[in-house]
Amino acid sequence: MTMRSRRTSSAVRKIKRRTMKGTRVLYKRRKTKPSAVCAVCGARLGGIGKGTKTRCRPERKFGGALCHRCTSEIIKYSTRVSTGVVSIEDVPLEYKKYVEGYKK
């Protein structure tokens, strides 16, 4: 990595401040990562850390991808499809690919 690319990184936010003396100071602050959101409804997922990948990883089905409400709906629809109460065409479109991939 060259010196120029290290100075002009896009991962660092540059903040200009004026001190009490009147001089200008340039602070560099790392940009924060966006929090995880549900793939279906867009709700914020709780229990997922922003930095580490192994410490805060949910170990349930669709963990880290879907919220608990959408996961419970997908489990309900997949049970109904497997028992024959509802056909796969009657499942809402946003849930369909998860219902097809879900196996008990």
Protein backbone atom coordinates (compact mmCIF):
# COMPACT_ATOMS: atom_id res chain seq x y z
CA MET A 1 0.00 0.00 0.00
CA THR A 2 1.46 3.31 -0.98
CA MET A 3 1.52 6.34 1.26
CA ARG A 4 -1.00 8.22 -0.86
CA SER A 5 -3.63 5.49 -0.79
CA ARG A 6 -3.24 5.19 2.97
CA ARG A 7 -3.87 8.90 3.41
CA THR A 8 -6.86 9.05 1.07
CA SER A 9 -8.78 6.02 2.34
CA SER A 10 -12.54 6.12 1.92
CA ALA A 11 -13.04 4.11 5.12
CA VAL A 12 -11.99 7.14 7.19
CA ARG A 13 -14.20 10.17 7.70
CA LYS A 14 -12.37 13.49 7.92
CA ILE A 15 -13.69 15.99 10.47
CA LYS A 16 -12.40 19.57 10.57
CA ARG A 17 -12.58 21.41 13.90
CA ARG A 18 -11.51 24.80 15.10
CA THR A 19 -9.72 24.85 18.46
CA MET A 20 -9.93 27.49 21.18
CA LYS A 21 -6.68 29.03 19.92
CA GLY A 22 -8.18 29.49 16.48
CA THR A 23 -6.11 26.87 14.71
CA ARG A 24 -7.77 24.28 12.56
CA VAL A 25 -7.34 20.60 13.32
CA LEU A 26 -8.20 17.63 11.10
CA TYR A 27 -9.50 14.54 12.92
CA LYS A 28 -9.85 11.20 11.21
CA ARG A 29 -12.56 8.87 12.40
CA ARG A 30 -13.41 5.41 11.04
CA LYS A 31 -16.83 5.10 9.45
CA THR A 32 -19.28 2.90 11.34
CA LYS A 33 -20.63 -0.24 9.71
CA PRO A 34 -24.37 -0.40 9.11
CA SER A 35 -26.36 -2.65 11.43
CA ALA A 36 -27.83 -5.90 10.07
CA VAL A 37 -31.38 -5.81 8.74
CA CYS A 38 -33.97 -8.44 7.87
CA ALA A 39 -33.96 -9.52 4.21
CA VAL A 40 -37.77 -9.55 4.00
CA CYS A 41 -39.16 -6.69 6.08
CA GLY A 42 -36.04 -4.56 6.67
CA ALA A 43 -36.29 -4.57 10.48
CA ARG A 44 -33.08 -4.22 12.49
CA LEU A 45 -31.69 -7.56 13.66
CA GLY A 46 -30.79 -7.75 17.33
CA GLY A 47 -27.95 -9.80 18.73
CA ILE A 48 -25.57 -9.33 15.83
CA GLY A 49 -22.34 -7.49 16.51
CA LYS A 50 -20.96 -5.03 14.00
CA GLY A 51 -17.29 -5.96 14.29
CA THR A 52 -16.61 -9.57 15.17
CA LYS A 53 -18.09 -12.42 13.20
CA THR A 54 -17.84 -15.27 15.69
CA ARG A 55 -18.75 -13.71 19.02
CA CYS A 56 -22.32 -12.61 18.28
CA ARG A 57 -23.59 -15.07 15.72
CA PRO A 58 -27.16 -16.39 16.05
CA GLU A 59 -27.18 -20.17 15.58
CA ARG A 60 -30.82 -20.72 14.66
CA LYS A 61 -32.39 -21.25 11.25
CA PHE A 62 -32.12 -18.09 9.08
CA GLY A 63 -30.11 -16.48 11.89
CA GLY A 64 -28.46 -13.27 10.76
CA ALA A 65 -30.68 -13.00 7.69
CA LEU A 66 -34.28 -12.81 8.93
CA CYS A 67 -35.99 -11.37 12.00
CA HIS A 68 -37.96 -13.55 14.40
CA ARG A 69 -41.33 -12.51 12.99
CA CYS A 70 -40.46 -13.44 9.40
CA THR A 71 -38.79 -16.67 10.55
CA SER A 72 -41.92 -17.75 12.43
CA GLU A 73 -44.09 -16.95 9.40
CA ILE A 74 -41.81 -19.00 7.14
CA ILE A 75 -41.94 -21.95 9.56
CA LYS A 76 -45.76 -21.74 9.61
CA TYR A 77 -46.00 -21.62 5.81
CA SER A 78 -43.50 -24.45 5.33
CA THR A 79 -45.46 -26.64 7.75
CA ARG A 80 -48.70 -25.88 5.93
CA VAL A 81 -47.10 -26.65 2.56
CA SER A 82 -45.60 -29.93 3.79
CA THR A 83 -48.92 -31.12 5.25
CA GLY A 84 -50.80 -30.13 2.10
CA VAL A 85 -53.09 -27.51 3.63
CA VAL A 86 -51.66 -24.75 1.42
CA SER A 87 -49.97 -25.05 -1.97
CA ILE A 88 -46.63 -23.37 -2.69
CA GLU A 89 -48.37 -20.94 -5.08
CA ASP A 90 -50.45 -19.55 -2.20
CA VAL A 91 -47.35 -18.55 -0.20
CA PRO A 92 -46.54 -14.81 -0.45
CA LEU A 93 -43.78 -14.05 -2.93
CA GLU A 94 -41.32 -12.60 -0.40
CA TYR A 95 -41.49 -15.80 1.68
CA LYS A 96 -41.50 -18.31 -1.19
CA LYS A 97 -37.74 -18.84 -1.63
CA TYR A 98 -37.26 -19.33 2.11
CA VAL A 99 -40.17 -21.76 2.37
CA GLU A 100 -38.76 -23.85 -0.48
CA GLY A 101 -35.35 -23.94 1.19
CA TYR A 102 -36.65 -24.78 4.65
CA LYS A 103 -36.53 -28.41 5.66
CA LYS A 104 -37.44 -29.68 9.11
